[in-house]
Amino acid sequence: MGDVLMSSPAIRALKEHFGVQLAILTSQKGAAAARLNPFVDEVITFDLPWQKFYDLDPGAAAVLDLVARLREQRFDGCVVFTVYSQNPMPCIMLAYLAGIPLRLAYCRENPYGLLTNWVPDEEPYEKILHQVSRDLALVAEIGAIPSADDLIAEIPAAARQRTVKELARAGIAPDQHFFVVSTGASERRRNLPLAYWFELLKSLRAHSSYGIVLTGTKSQQSELSAMKAAVPDVVIFAGNLNVAELAYLVRKSAGVLSVNTGTVHLAAATKTPVCVLYARTNPQHTPWKVKNQVFYYSPTGIMPSSNAVIGYVNRKLYKKQLAPPAPGDVVSALLALSRSGLP
């Protein structure tokens, strides 16, 4: 989800510069975020076998069916967006086999005929850009410059209405201020111990009368329930909301506290102040163009990455171990960032 949101300014640039129909090929998780972008005309959903966190191989036949589908649609061009640690070659080959005549991507190795527009990837060895800047620099190679570089999340009216109903059902009145707290991420290394969250939530409750809404997936229900046992008046949305509804929940909140995950980028897209507990993994994904405070810490108990590029960044940038920030410092930062005039 976060990667799709961070690519949204570059997608806007393509739409504004070329004035063409735009389709985005993304995973099931990314598709919902893609549908919040009014510059996207079609969302093609497919969980490709080379994607991280994808456990079920769709099989060669399904991938070849996707190639045939793309070929039938006769696209004029393809842009491949990647982070610097990803290998773009599988997607490049997908576009080549689909007969897409113009193909643009970063690639560390010379792709020869597989790309018509090759941008040698200098990251992270020569420089490291924010993901938004990286994607914008890529499309600028073919002349696409956006009229604005904000993240994009256009929330449908139906999603707004259902979010308001869910808040009311949870006991939060339309005029009540509240914070959104997102405690979990898809990568285990970005998660903090339950004891840490107990202390932080108790501190937040002690220093603010605002409501506290905990968000997460259904798989996080047990952890979130444990947090509610520690701070009984929090509200839990665990799998209750789709991405559009979560975006509106974030937009309505006084501020967001989150680990570095997709919720941070929803906050940026909705211009909601955000405080981030940022496990030192990919440094490209800090909040973009929104009022924010980032607290860095070193993940513990995690084996070194087998990805040579990630290993290089870890050795270069993260030599010193950092403990998670004191919960009281995080709460103070969140309250200072709040846009709603705290009592």
C-alpha atoms as a PDB file:
ATOM      1  CA  MET A   1       0.000   0.000   0.000  1.00  0.00           C
ATOM      2  CA  GLY A   2       2.701   2.465   0.978  1.00  0.00           C
ATOM      3  CA  ASP A   3       4.699   1.967  -2.217  1.00  0.00           C
ATOM      4  CA  VAL A   4       1.617   2.674  -4.341  1.00  0.00           C
ATOM      5  CA  LEU A   5       0.885   5.860  -2.399  1.00  0.00           C
ATOM      6  CA  MET A   6       4.478   7.029  -2.737  1.00  0.00           C
ATOM      7  CA  SER A   7       4.337   6.425  -6.500  1.00  0.00           C
ATOM      8  CA  SER A   8       1.196   8.544  -6.843  1.00  0.00           C
ATOM      9  CA  PRO A   9       2.983  11.843  -7.681  1.00  0.00           C
ATOM     10  CA  ALA A  10       4.932  10.095 -10.455  1.00  0.00           C
ATOM     11  CA  ILE A  11       1.723   8.559 -11.773  1.00  0.00           C
ATOM     12  CA  ARG A  12       0.178  12.033 -11.764  1.00  0.00           C
ATOM     13  CA  ALA A  13       3.185  13.300 -13.732  1.00  0.00           C
ATOM     14  CA  LEU A  14       2.681  10.629 -16.405  1.00  0.00           C
ATOM     15  CA  LYS A  15      -1.027  11.400 -16.700  1.00  0.00           C
ATOM     16  CA  GLU A  16      -0.539  15.165 -16.924  1.00  0.00           C
ATOM     17  CA  HIS A  17       2.370  14.998 -19.375  1.00  0.00           C
ATOM     18  CA  PHE A  18       1.115  12.361 -21.804  1.00  0.00           C
ATOM     19  CA  GLY A  19      -2.670  12.636 -21.341  1.00  0.00           C
ATOM     20  CA  VAL A  20      -3.115   8.894 -21.819  1.00  0.00           C
ATOM     21  CA  GLN A  21      -5.128   6.126 -20.175  1.00  0.00           C
ATOM     22  CA  LEU A  22      -3.136   4.761 -17.267  1.00  0.00           C
ATOM     23  CA  ALA A  23      -3.327   1.270 -15.817  1.00  0.00           C
ATOM     24  CA  ILE A  24      -1.428   0.136 -12.723  1.00  0.00           C
ATOM     25  CA  LEU A  25      -0.402  -3.478 -12.159  1.00  0.00           C
ATOM     26  CA  THR A  26      -0.114  -4.136  -8.440  1.00  0.00           C
ATOM     27  CA  SER A  27      -0.760  -6.682  -5.702  1.00  0.00           C
ATOM     28  CA  GLN A  28      -4.048  -7.198  -3.905  1.00  0.00           C
ATOM     29  CA  LYS A  29      -2.684  -5.140  -0.999  1.00  0.00           C
ATOM     30  CA  GLY A  30      -1.664  -2.305  -3.311  1.00  0.00           C
ATOM     31  CA  ALA A  31      -4.840  -2.294  -5.394  1.00  0.00           C
ATOM     32  CA  ALA A  32      -6.992  -0.539  -2.797  1.00  0.00           C
ATOM     33  CA  ALA A  33      -4.499   2.329  -2.558  1.00  0.00           C
ATOM     34  CA  ALA A  34      -4.302   2.548  -6.353  1.00  0.00           C
ATOM     35  CA  ARG A  35      -8.078   3.047  -6.511  1.00  0.00           C
ATOM     36  CA  LEU A  36      -7.714   6.208  -4.398  1.00  0.00           C
ATOM     37  CA  ASN A  37      -5.689   7.820  -7.193  1.00  0.00           C
ATOM     38  CA  PRO A  38      -7.936   9.678  -9.695  1.00  0.00           C
ATOM     39  CA  PHE A  39      -5.097   9.676 -12.237  1.00  0.00           C
ATOM     40  CA  VAL A  40      -5.344   5.864 -12.521  1.00  0.00           C
ATOM     41  CA  ASP A  41      -7.893   4.615 -15.055  1.00  0.00           C
ATOM     42  CA  GLU A  42      -7.529   0.870 -14.484  1.00  0.00           C
ATOM     43  CA  VAL A  43      -6.173  -1.318 -11.695  1.00  0.00           C
ATOM     44  CA  ILE A  44      -4.841  -4.734 -12.703  1.00  0.00           C
ATOM     45  CA  THR A  45      -4.453  -6.941  -9.654  1.00  0.00           C
ATOM     46  CA  PHE A  46      -2.043  -9.867  -9.590  1.00  0.00           C
ATOM     47  CA  ASP A  47       0.123 -11.246  -6.787  1.00  0.00           C
ATOM     48  CA  LEU A  48       3.354 -11.976  -8.636  1.00  0.00           C
ATOM     49  CA  PRO A  49       5.637 -14.739  -7.336  1.00  0.00           C
ATOM     50  CA  TRP A  50       8.645 -12.418  -6.912  1.00  0.00           C
ATOM     51  CA  GLN A  51       6.816 -10.086  -4.524  1.00  0.00           C
ATOM     52  CA  LYS A  52       7.838  -9.992  -0.880  1.00  0.00           C
ATOM     53  CA  PHE A  53       5.363 -11.523   1.591  1.00  0.00           C
ATOM     54  CA  TYR A  54       3.668 -13.489  -1.174  1.00  0.00           C
ATOM     55  CA  ASP A  55       3.519 -17.094  -0.007  1.00  0.00           C
ATOM     56  CA  LEU A  56       1.420 -18.836  -2.647  1.00  0.00           C
ATOM     57  CA  ASP A  57       3.051 -19.310  -6.057  1.00  0.00           C
ATOM     58  CA  PRO A  58       0.358 -18.701  -8.705  1.00  0.00           C
ATOM     59  CA  GLY A  59       2.247 -20.957 -11.123  1.00  0.00           C
ATOM     60  CA  ALA A  60       3.792 -20.332 -14.518  1.00  0.00           C
ATOM     61  CA  ALA A  61       0.478 -20.789 -16.333  1.00  0.00           C
ATOM     62  CA  ALA A  62      -1.152 -17.949 -14.383  1.00  0.00           C
ATOM     63  CA  VAL A  63       1.805 -15.633 -15.058  1.00  0.00           C
ATOM     64  CA  LEU A  64       1.661 -16.487 -18.763  1.00  0.00           C
ATOM     65  CA  ASP A  65      -2.068 -15.737 -18.714  1.00  0.00           C
ATOM     66  CA  LEU A  66      -1.209 -12.317 -17.297  1.00  0.00           C
ATOM     67  CA  VAL A  67       1.320 -11.791 -20.085  1.00  0.00           C
ATOM     68  CA  ALA A  68      -1.392 -12.654 -22.630  1.00  0.00           C
ATOM     69  CA  ARG A  69      -3.840 -10.263 -20.984  1.00  0.00           C
ATOM     70  CA  LEU A  70      -1.318  -7.428 -21.082  1.00  0.00           C
ATOM     71  CA  ARG A  71      -0.505  -8.208 -24.710  1.00  0.00           C
ATOM     72  CA  GLU A  72      -4.197  -8.086 -25.639  1.00  0.00           C
ATOM     73  CA  GLN A  73      -4.536  -4.621 -24.142  1.00  0.00           C
ATOM     74  CA  ARG A  74      -1.754  -3.333 -26.427  1.00  0.00           C
ATOM     75  CA  PHE A  75      -0.183  -0.882 -24.022  1.00  0.00           C
ATOM     76  CA  ASP A  76       2.100   1.751 -25.552  1.00  0.00           C
ATOM     77  CA  GLY A  77       4.536   1.937 -22.655  1.00  0.00           C
ATOM     78  CA  CYS A  78       5.440   0.613 -19.236  1.00  0.00           C
ATOM     79  CA  VAL A  79       7.161   2.221 -16.236  1.00  0.00           C
ATOM     80  CA  VAL A  80       8.534  -0.089 -13.541  1.00  0.00           C
ATOM     81  CA  PHE A  81       8.706   1.451 -10.055  1.00  0.00           C
ATOM     82  CA  THR A  82      11.018  -0.264  -7.554  1.00  0.00           C
ATOM     83  CA  VAL A  83      12.879   0.437  -4.341  1.00  0.00           C
ATOM     84  CA  TYR A  84      16.656   0.229  -4.673  1.00  0.00           C
ATOM     85  CA  SER A  85      16.852  -3.224  -3.066  1.00  0.00           C
ATOM     86  CA  GLN A  86      14.409  -4.835  -5.509  1.00  0.00           C
ATOM     87  CA  ASN A  87      15.370  -6.583  -8.709  1.00  0.00           C
ATOM     88  CA  PRO A  88      13.379  -4.963 -11.535  1.00  0.00           C
ATOM     89  CA  MET A  89      14.200  -7.671 -14.083  1.00  0.00           C
ATOM     90  CA  PRO A  90      11.130  -9.896 -13.561  1.00  0.00           C
ATOM     91  CA  CYS A  91       8.768  -6.958 -14.212  1.00  0.00           C
ATOM     92  CA  ILE A  92      10.894  -5.748 -17.112  1.00  0.00           C
ATOM     93  CA  MET A  93      10.712  -9.206 -18.674  1.00  0.00           C
ATOM     94  CA  LEU A  94       6.945  -9.268 -18.065  1.00  0.00           C
ATOM     95  CA  ALA A  95       6.569  -6.042 -20.071  1.00  0.00           C
ATOM     96  CA  TYR A  96       8.917  -7.318 -22.788  1.00  0.00           C
ATOM     97  CA  LEU A  97       7.003 -10.585 -23.218  1.00  0.00           C
ATOM     98  CA  ALA A  98       3.726  -8.630 -23.289  1.00  0.00           C
ATOM     99  CA  GLY A  99       5.017  -6.779 -26.345  1.00  0.00           C
ATOM    100  CA  ILE A 100       4.919  -3.332 -24.711  1.00  0.00           C
ATOM    101  CA  PRO A 101       7.109  -1.273 -27.067  1.00  0.00           C
ATOM    102  CA  LEU A 102       8.384   1.396 -24.627  1.00  0.00           C
ATOM    103  CA  ARG A 103       9.816   0.277 -21.284  1.00  0.00           C
ATOM    104  CA  LEU A 104      11.334   2.526 -18.598  1.00  0.00           C
ATOM    105  CA  ALA A 105      12.991   1.370 -15.365  1.00  0.00           C
ATOM    106  CA  TYR A 106      15.925   1.692 -13.043  1.00  0.00           C
ATOM    107  CA  CYS A 107      18.297  -1.236 -13.406  1.00  0.00           C
ATOM    108  CA  ARG A 108      21.721  -1.792 -11.892  1.00  0.00           C
ATOM    109  CA  GLU A 109      22.896  -4.104 -14.695  1.00  0.00           C
ATOM    110  CA  ASN A 110      22.744  -3.268 -18.409  1.00  0.00           C
ATOM    111  CA  PRO A 111      19.387  -4.684 -19.578  1.00  0.00           C
ATOM    112  CA  TYR A 112      20.288  -4.296 -23.265  1.00  0.00           C
ATOM    113  CA  GLY A 113      17.155  -4.808 -25.380  1.00  0.00           C
ATOM    114  CA  LEU A 114      14.847  -5.485 -22.440  1.00  0.00           C
ATOM    115  CA  LEU A 115      14.525  -1.736 -21.784  1.00  0.00           C
ATOM    116  CA  THR A 116      14.077   1.031 -24.307  1.00  0.00           C
ATOM    117  CA  ASN A 117      14.699   3.642 -21.596  1.00  0.00           C
ATOM    118  CA  TRP A 118      17.313   2.482 -19.105  1.00  0.00           C
ATOM    119  CA  VAL A 119      18.187   4.561 -16.034  1.00  0.00           C
ATOM    120  CA  PRO A 120      21.260   3.096 -14.274  1.00  0.00           C
ATOM    121  CA  ASP A 121      20.404   2.655 -10.602  1.00  0.00           C
ATOM    122  CA  GLU A 122      22.914   4.598  -8.484  1.00  0.00           C
ATOM    123  CA  GLU A 123      21.105   3.921  -5.212  1.00  0.00           C
ATOM    124  CA  PRO A 124      22.141   3.231  -2.527  1.00  0.00           C
ATOM    125  CA  TYR A 125      25.855   3.240  -3.379  1.00  0.00           C
ATOM    126  CA  GLU A 126      26.061   6.809  -4.721  1.00  0.00           C
ATOM    127  CA  LYS A 127      23.007   8.387  -3.062  1.00  0.00           C
ATOM    128  CA  ILE A 128      19.717   7.576  -1.343  1.00  0.00           C
ATOM    129  CA  LEU A 129      16.544   9.421  -2.332  1.00  0.00           C
ATOM    130  CA  HIS A 130      13.142   9.406  -0.717  1.00  0.00           C
ATOM    131  CA  GLN A 131      10.938   6.934  -2.592  1.00  0.00           C
ATOM    132  CA  VAL A 132       8.778   9.772  -3.946  1.00  0.00           C
ATOM    133  CA  SER A 133      11.855  11.587  -5.277  1.00  0.00           C
ATOM    134  CA  ARG A 134      13.209   8.351  -6.745  1.00  0.00           C
ATOM    135  CA  ASP A 135       9.991   7.682  -8.671  1.00  0.00           C
ATOM    136  CA  LEU A 136       9.695  11.308  -9.831  1.00  0.00           C
ATOM    137  CA  ALA A 137      13.291  11.275 -11.068  1.00  0.00           C
ATOM    138  CA  LEU A 138      12.519   8.148 -13.082  1.00  0.00           C
ATOM    139  CA  VAL A 139       9.552   9.598 -14.973  1.00  0.00           C
ATOM    140  CA  ALA A 140      11.406  12.908 -15.414  1.00  0.00           C
ATOM    141  CA  GLU A 141      13.733  10.956 -17.713  1.00  0.00           C
ATOM    142  CA  ILE A 142      10.887  10.911 -20.250  1.00  0.00           C
ATOM    143  CA  GLY A 143       9.801  14.496 -19.598  1.00  0.00           C
ATOM    144  CA  ALA A 144       7.007  13.882 -17.063  1.00  0.00           C
ATOM    145  CA  ILE A 145       6.970  16.553 -14.330  1.00  0.00           C
ATOM    146  CA  PRO A 146       3.871  16.799 -12.074  1.00  0.00           C
ATOM    147  CA  SER A 147       2.022  20.028 -11.288  1.00  0.00           C
ATOM    148  CA  ALA A 148       2.199  18.950  -7.615  1.00  0.00           C
ATOM    149  CA  ASP A 149       4.172  16.278  -5.776  1.00  0.00           C
ATOM    150  CA  ASP A 150       1.847  15.565  -2.839  1.00  0.00           C
ATOM    151  CA  LEU A 151       0.753  12.002  -2.142  1.00  0.00           C
ATOM    152  CA  ILE A 152      -2.735  11.294  -3.444  1.00  0.00           C
ATOM    153  CA  ALA A 153      -5.687   9.645  -1.691  1.00  0.00           C
ATOM    154  CA  GLU A 154      -9.103  10.709  -2.981  1.00  0.00           C
ATOM    155  CA  ILE A 155     -11.636   9.147  -0.611  1.00  0.00           C
ATOM    156  CA  PRO A 156     -15.068   8.155  -1.994  1.00  0.00           C
ATOM    157  CA  ALA A 157     -18.192   9.472  -0.270  1.00  0.00           C
ATOM    158  CA  ALA A 158     -19.369   5.947   0.573  1.00  0.00           C
ATOM    159  CA  ALA A 159     -16.141   5.271   2.458  1.00  0.00           C
ATOM    160  CA  ARG A 160     -16.519   8.492   4.423  1.00  0.00           C
ATOM    161  CA  GLN A 161     -20.084   7.663   5.398  1.00  0.00           C
ATOM    162  CA  ARG A 162     -19.272   4.133   6.544  1.00  0.00           C
ATOM    163  CA  THR A 163     -16.292   5.347   8.585  1.00  0.00           C
ATOM    164  CA  VAL A 164     -18.496   7.849  10.406  1.00  0.00           C
ATOM    165  CA  LYS A 165     -20.993   5.065  11.140  1.00  0.00           C
ATOM    166  CA  GLU A 166     -18.247   2.769  12.447  1.00  0.00           C
ATOM    167  CA  LEU A 167     -16.930   5.522  14.701  1.00  0.00           C
ATOM    168  CA  ALA A 168     -20.428   6.161  16.060  1.00  0.00           C
ATOM    169  CA  ARG A 169     -20.936   2.451  16.651  1.00  0.00           C
ATOM    170  CA  ALA A 170     -17.658   2.425  18.596  1.00  0.00           C
ATOM    171  CA  GLY A 171     -18.865   5.305  20.768  1.00  0.00           C
ATOM    172  CA  ILE A 172     -16.935   8.177  19.176  1.00  0.00           C
ATOM    173  CA  ALA A 173     -19.171  11.188  18.510  1.00  0.00           C
ATOM    174  CA  PRO A 174     -18.843  13.213  15.269  1.00  0.00           C
ATOM    175  CA  ASP A 175     -17.289  16.166  17.122  1.00  0.00           C
ATOM    176  CA  GLN A 176     -14.978  14.109  19.349  1.00  0.00           C
ATOM    177  CA  HIS A 177     -11.227  14.435  18.847  1.00  0.00           C
ATOM    178  CA  PHE A 178      -9.192  11.241  18.669  1.00  0.00           C
ATOM    179  CA  PHE A 179      -5.774   9.879  17.785  1.00  0.00           C
ATOM    180  CA  VAL A 180      -5.134   6.926  15.462  1.00  0.00           C
ATOM    181  CA  VAL A 181      -2.494   4.499  16.714  1.00  0.00           C
ATOM    182  CA  SER A 182      -1.160   1.827  14.354  1.00  0.00           C
ATOM    183  CA  THR A 183       1.052  -0.645  16.190  1.00  0.00           C
ATOM    184  CA  GLY A 184       1.807  -3.413  13.685  1.00  0.00           C
ATOM    185  CA  ALA A 185       3.658  -3.837  10.401  1.00  0.00           C
ATOM    186  CA  SER A 186       3.979  -6.615   7.847  1.00  0.00           C
ATOM    187  CA  GLU A 187       7.662  -7.066   8.710  1.00  0.00           C
ATOM    188  CA  ARG A 188       8.303  -8.486  12.175  1.00  0.00           C
ATOM    189  CA  ARG A 189      11.406  -6.304  12.587  1.00  0.00           C
ATOM    190  CA  ARG A 190       9.220  -3.177  12.596  1.00  0.00           C
ATOM    191  CA  ASN A 191       7.088  -4.311  15.542  1.00  0.00           C
ATOM    192  CA  LEU A 192       7.659  -3.300  19.150  1.00  0.00           C
ATOM    193  CA  PRO A 193       6.976  -5.388  22.298  1.00  0.00           C
ATOM    194  CA  LEU A 194       3.525  -5.317  23.865  1.00  0.00           C
ATOM    195  CA  ALA A 195       4.995  -3.985  27.114  1.00  0.00           C
ATOM    196  CA  TYR A 196       6.261  -0.946  25.256  1.00  0.00           C
ATOM    197  CA  TRP A 197       2.805  -0.224  23.837  1.00  0.00           C
ATOM    198  CA  PHE A 198       1.184  -0.671  27.267  1.00  0.00           C
ATOM    199  CA  GLU A 199       3.434   2.034  28.699  1.00  0.00           C
ATOM    200  CA  LEU A 200       2.979   4.354  25.732  1.00  0.00           C
ATOM    201  CA  LEU A 201      -0.815   4.091  25.651  1.00  0.00           C
ATOM    202  CA  LYS A 202      -1.063   4.613  29.401  1.00  0.00           C
ATOM    203  CA  SER A 203       1.078   7.743  29.047  1.00  0.00           C
ATOM    204  CA  LEU A 204      -1.057   9.021  26.192  1.00  0.00           C
ATOM    205  CA  ARG A 205      -4.220   8.448  28.206  1.00  0.00           C
ATOM    206  CA  ALA A 206      -2.714  10.213  31.218  1.00  0.00           C
ATOM    207  CA  HIS A 207      -1.813  13.309  29.204  1.00  0.00           C
ATOM    208  CA  SER A 208      -4.798  13.659  26.852  1.00  0.00           C
ATOM    209  CA  SER A 209      -8.561  13.296  27.023  1.00  0.00           C
ATOM    210  CA  TYR A 210      -8.777  12.571  23.299  1.00  0.00           C
ATOM    211  CA  GLY A 211     -10.084   9.223  22.117  1.00  0.00           C
ATOM    212  CA  ILE A 212      -7.578   6.559  21.086  1.00  0.00           C
ATOM    213  CA  VAL A 213      -8.347   4.363  18.077  1.00  0.00           C
ATOM    214  CA  LEU A 214      -6.114   1.324  17.569  1.00  0.00           C
ATOM    215  CA  THR A 215      -5.983   0.075  13.975  1.00  0.00           C
ATOM    216  CA  GLY A 216      -4.684  -3.163  12.556  1.00  0.00           C
ATOM    217  CA  THR A 217      -5.545  -6.363  10.747  1.00  0.00           C
ATOM    218  CA  LYS A 218      -7.665  -9.246  12.012  1.00  0.00           C
ATOM    219  CA  SER A 219      -4.460 -11.195  12.647  1.00  0.00           C
ATOM    220  CA  GLN A 220      -3.464  -8.532  15.209  1.00  0.00           C
ATOM    221  CA  GLN A 221      -6.689  -8.850  17.201  1.00  0.00           C
ATOM    222  CA  SER A 222      -5.123 -10.639  20.162  1.00  0.00           C
ATOM    223  CA  GLU A 223      -2.348  -8.042  20.569  1.00  0.00           C
ATOM    224  CA  LEU A 224      -4.808  -5.170  20.237  1.00  0.00           C
ATOM    225  CA  SER A 225      -7.141  -6.797  22.758  1.00  0.00           C
ATOM    226  CA  ALA A 226      -4.251  -7.014  25.211  1.00  0.00           C
ATOM    227  CA  MET A 227      -3.649  -3.281  24.747  1.00  0.00           C
ATOM    228  CA  LYS A 228      -7.314  -2.591  25.406  1.00  0.00           C
ATOM    229  CA  ALA A 229      -7.070  -4.603  28.619  1.00  0.00           C
ATOM    230  CA  ALA A 230      -4.258  -2.256  29.676  1.00  0.00           C
ATOM    231  CA  VAL A 231      -6.119   0.903  28.599  1.00  0.00           C
ATOM    232  CA  PRO A 232      -9.818  -0.082  28.605  1.00  0.00           C
ATOM    233  CA  ASP A 233     -11.310   2.954  26.877  1.00  0.00           C
ATOM    234  CA  VAL A 234      -9.390   2.570  23.601  1.00  0.00           C
ATOM    235  CA  VAL A 235     -11.344   1.648  20.475  1.00  0.00           C
ATOM    236  CA  ILE A 236     -10.147  -1.211  18.249  1.00  0.00           C
ATOM    237  CA  PHE A 237     -10.588  -1.381  14.482  1.00  0.00           C
ATOM    238  CA  ALA A 238      -8.967  -4.678  13.497  1.00  0.00           C
ATOM    239  CA  GLY A 239      -9.918  -5.486   9.934  1.00  0.00           C
ATOM    240  CA  ASN A 240     -13.149  -3.442  10.244  1.00  0.00           C
ATOM    241  CA  LEU A 241     -12.164  -0.871   7.627  1.00  0.00           C
ATOM    242  CA  ASN A 242     -10.980  -1.093   4.053  1.00  0.00           C
ATOM    243  CA  VAL A 243      -8.127   1.151   2.856  1.00  0.00           C
ATOM    244  CA  ALA A 244     -10.403   4.009   1.756  1.00  0.00           C
ATOM    245  CA  GLU A 245     -12.197   3.952   5.115  1.00  0.00           C
ATOM    246  CA  LEU A 246      -8.899   3.798   6.991  1.00  0.00           C
ATOM    247  CA  ALA A 247      -7.741   6.820   4.986  1.00  0.00           C
ATOM    248  CA  TYR A 248     -10.796   8.765   6.108  1.00  0.00           C
ATOM    249  CA  LEU A 249     -10.330   7.646   9.709  1.00  0.00           C
ATOM    250  CA  VAL A 250      -6.769   8.999   9.518  1.00  0.00           C
ATOM    251  CA  ARG A 251      -7.968  12.213   7.909  1.00  0.00           C
ATOM    252  CA  LYS A 252     -10.533  12.811  10.679  1.00  0.00           C
ATOM    253  CA  SER A 253      -8.040  12.192  13.466  1.00  0.00           C
ATOM    254  CA  ALA A 254      -6.098  14.823  15.401  1.00  0.00           C
ATOM    255  CA  GLY A 255      -2.895  12.945  14.643  1.00  0.00           C
ATOM    256  CA  VAL A 256      -1.434   9.537  13.908  1.00  0.00           C
ATOM    257  CA  LEU A 257       1.088   7.470  15.836  1.00  0.00           C
ATOM    258  CA  SER A 258       2.438   4.553  13.823  1.00  0.00           C
ATOM    259  CA  VAL A 259       5.340   2.250  13.164  1.00  0.00           C
ATOM    260  CA  ASN A 260       6.768   2.701   9.656  1.00  0.00           C
ATOM    261  CA  THR A 261       4.014   1.143   7.604  1.00  0.00           C
ATOM    262  CA  GLY A 262       1.295   2.134   5.122  1.00  0.00           C
ATOM    263  CA  THR A 263      -0.670   4.156   7.687  1.00  0.00           C
ATOM    264  CA  VAL A 264       2.175   6.709   7.688  1.00  0.00           C
ATOM    265  CA  HIS A 265       1.687   7.308   3.968  1.00  0.00           C
ATOM    266  CA  LEU A 266      -2.077   7.588   4.346  1.00  0.00           C
ATOM    267  CA  ALA A 267      -1.371  10.311   6.906  1.00  0.00           C
ATOM    268  CA  ALA A 268       0.886  12.082   4.429  1.00  0.00           C
ATOM    269  CA  ALA A 269      -1.710  11.790   1.665  1.00  0.00           C
ATOM    270  CA  THR A 270      -4.438  13.253   3.908  1.00  0.00           C
ATOM    271  CA  LYS A 271      -2.150  15.917   5.459  1.00  0.00           C
ATOM    272  CA  THR A 272      -2.608  14.478   8.943  1.00  0.00           C
ATOM    273  CA  PRO A 273       0.240  15.081  11.416  1.00  0.00           C
ATOM    274  CA  VAL A 274       2.089  11.850  12.055  1.00  0.00           C
ATOM    275  CA  CYS A 275       4.547  10.590  14.642  1.00  0.00           C
ATOM    276  CA  VAL A 276       6.537   7.570  13.427  1.00  0.00           C
ATOM    277  CA  LEU A 277       8.349   4.885  15.387  1.00  0.00           C
ATOM    278  CA  TYR A 278      10.764   4.079  12.586  1.00  0.00           C
ATOM    279  CA  ALA A 279      12.641   0.784  12.732  1.00  0.00           C
ATOM    280  CA  ARG A 280      15.855   1.414  10.835  1.00  0.00           C
ATOM    281  CA  THR A 281      15.136  -0.586   7.697  1.00  0.00           C
ATOM    282  CA  ASN A 282      14.580   1.221   4.374  1.00  0.00           C
ATOM    283  CA  PRO A 283      15.460   4.914   4.889  1.00  0.00           C
ATOM    284  CA  GLN A 284      13.451   5.973   1.795  1.00  0.00           C
ATOM    285  CA  HIS A 285      10.027   5.802   3.413  1.00  0.00           C
ATOM    286  CA  THR A 286       9.815   8.634   5.934  1.00  0.00           C
ATOM    287  CA  PRO A 287       6.678  10.855   5.898  1.00  0.00           C
ATOM    288  CA  TRP A 288       6.405  13.017   2.777  1.00  0.00           C
ATOM    289  CA  LYS A 289       5.333  16.677   2.901  1.00  0.00           C
ATOM    290  CA  VAL A 290       3.348  16.456   6.135  1.00  0.00           C
ATOM    291  CA  LYS A 291       3.929  17.695   9.679  1.00  0.00           C
ATOM    292  CA  ASN A 292       5.809  14.856  11.363  1.00  0.00           C
ATOM    293  CA  GLN A 293       8.221  13.587  13.991  1.00  0.00           C
ATOM    294  CA  VAL A 294      10.320  10.501  13.305  1.00  0.00           C
ATOM    295  CA  PHE A 295      11.854   8.422  16.114  1.00  0.00           C
ATOM    296  CA  TYR A 296      14.443   5.943  14.864  1.00  0.00           C
ATOM    297  CA  TYR A 297      15.361   2.736  16.669  1.00  0.00           C
ATOM    298  CA  SER A 298      17.267  -0.443  15.881  1.00  0.00           C
ATOM    299  CA  PRO A 299      15.289  -3.650  15.437  1.00  0.00           C
ATOM    300  CA  THR A 300      16.421  -6.399  17.808  1.00  0.00           C
ATOM    301  CA  GLY A 301      16.553 -10.163  17.456  1.00  0.00           C
ATOM    302  CA  ILE A 302      16.539 -10.015  13.649  1.00  0.00           C
ATOM    303  CA  MET A 303      19.002 -11.934  11.496  1.00  0.00           C
ATOM    304  CA  PRO A 304      21.087  -9.807   9.089  1.00  0.00           C
ATOM    305  CA  SER A 305      19.452  -9.474   5.671  1.00  0.00           C
ATOM    306  CA  SER A 306      20.582 -11.864   2.948  1.00  0.00           C
ATOM    307  CA  ASN A 307      19.992  -9.052   0.424  1.00  0.00           C
ATOM    308  CA  ALA A 308      23.451  -7.618  -0.332  1.00  0.00           C
ATOM    309  CA  VAL A 309      22.082  -4.127  -1.051  1.00  0.00           C
ATOM    310  CA  ILE A 310      20.176  -3.977   2.250  1.00  0.00           C
ATOM    311  CA  GLY A 311      23.240  -5.314   4.023  1.00  0.00           C
ATOM    312  CA  TYR A 312      25.326  -2.506   2.552  1.00  0.00           C
ATOM    313  CA  VAL A 313      22.855   0.166   3.757  1.00  0.00           C
ATOM    314  CA  ASN A 314      22.693  -1.387   7.220  1.00  0.00           C
ATOM    315  CA  ARG A 315      26.491  -1.366   7.525  1.00  0.00           C
ATOM    316  CA  LYS A 316      26.804   2.184   6.191  1.00  0.00           C
ATOM    317  CA  LEU A 317      23.945   3.932   8.003  1.00  0.00           C
ATOM    318  CA  TYR A 318      23.111   1.847  11.030  1.00  0.00           C
ATOM    319  CA  LYS A 319      26.400   1.113  12.788  1.00  0.00           C
ATOM    320  CA  LYS A 320      25.194   2.323  16.177  1.00  0.00           C
ATOM    321  CA  GLN A 321      22.351   0.526  17.937  1.00  0.00           C
ATOM    322  CA  LEU A 322      19.460   2.779  18.995  1.00  0.00           C
ATOM    323  CA  ALA A 323      16.959   1.839  21.696  1.00  0.00           C
ATOM    324  CA  PRO A 324      13.273   2.599  21.106  1.00  0.00           C
ATOM    325  CA  PRO A 325      12.385   6.127  22.227  1.00  0.00           C
ATOM    326  CA  ALA A 326      11.021   6.731  25.707  1.00  0.00           C
ATOM    327  CA  PRO A 327       7.198   6.475  25.552  1.00  0.00           C
ATOM    328  CA  GLY A 328       6.866   9.850  27.289  1.00  0.00           C
ATOM    329  CA  ASP A 329       8.930  11.519  24.561  1.00  0.00           C
ATOM    330  CA  VAL A 330       6.732   9.974  21.874  1.00  0.00           C
ATOM    331  CA  VAL A 331       3.556  11.135  23.590  1.00  0.00           C
ATOM    332  CA  SER A 332       4.931  14.674  23.974  1.00  0.00           C
ATOM    333  CA  ALA A 333       5.770  14.766  20.269  1.00  0.00           C
ATOM    334  CA  LEU A 334       2.337  13.482  19.266  1.00  0.00           C
ATOM    335  CA  LEU A 335       0.572  16.062  21.406  1.00  0.00           C
ATOM    336  CA  ALA A 336       2.752  18.840  19.989  1.00  0.00           C
ATOM    337  CA  LEU A 337       1.977  17.731  16.435  1.00  0.00           C
ATOM    338  CA  SER A 338      -1.777  17.513  16.973  1.00  0.00           C
ATOM    339  CA  ARG A 339      -3.814  19.802  14.746  1.00  0.00           C
ATOM    340  CA  SER A 340      -6.852  20.082  16.985  1.00  0.00           C
ATOM    341  CA  GLY A 341      -5.944  22.227  20.000  1.00  0.00           C
ATOM    342  CA  LEU A 342      -5.443  19.845  22.874  1.00  0.00           C
ATOM    343  CA  PRO A 343      -7.207  20.422  26.189  1.00  0.00           C
END
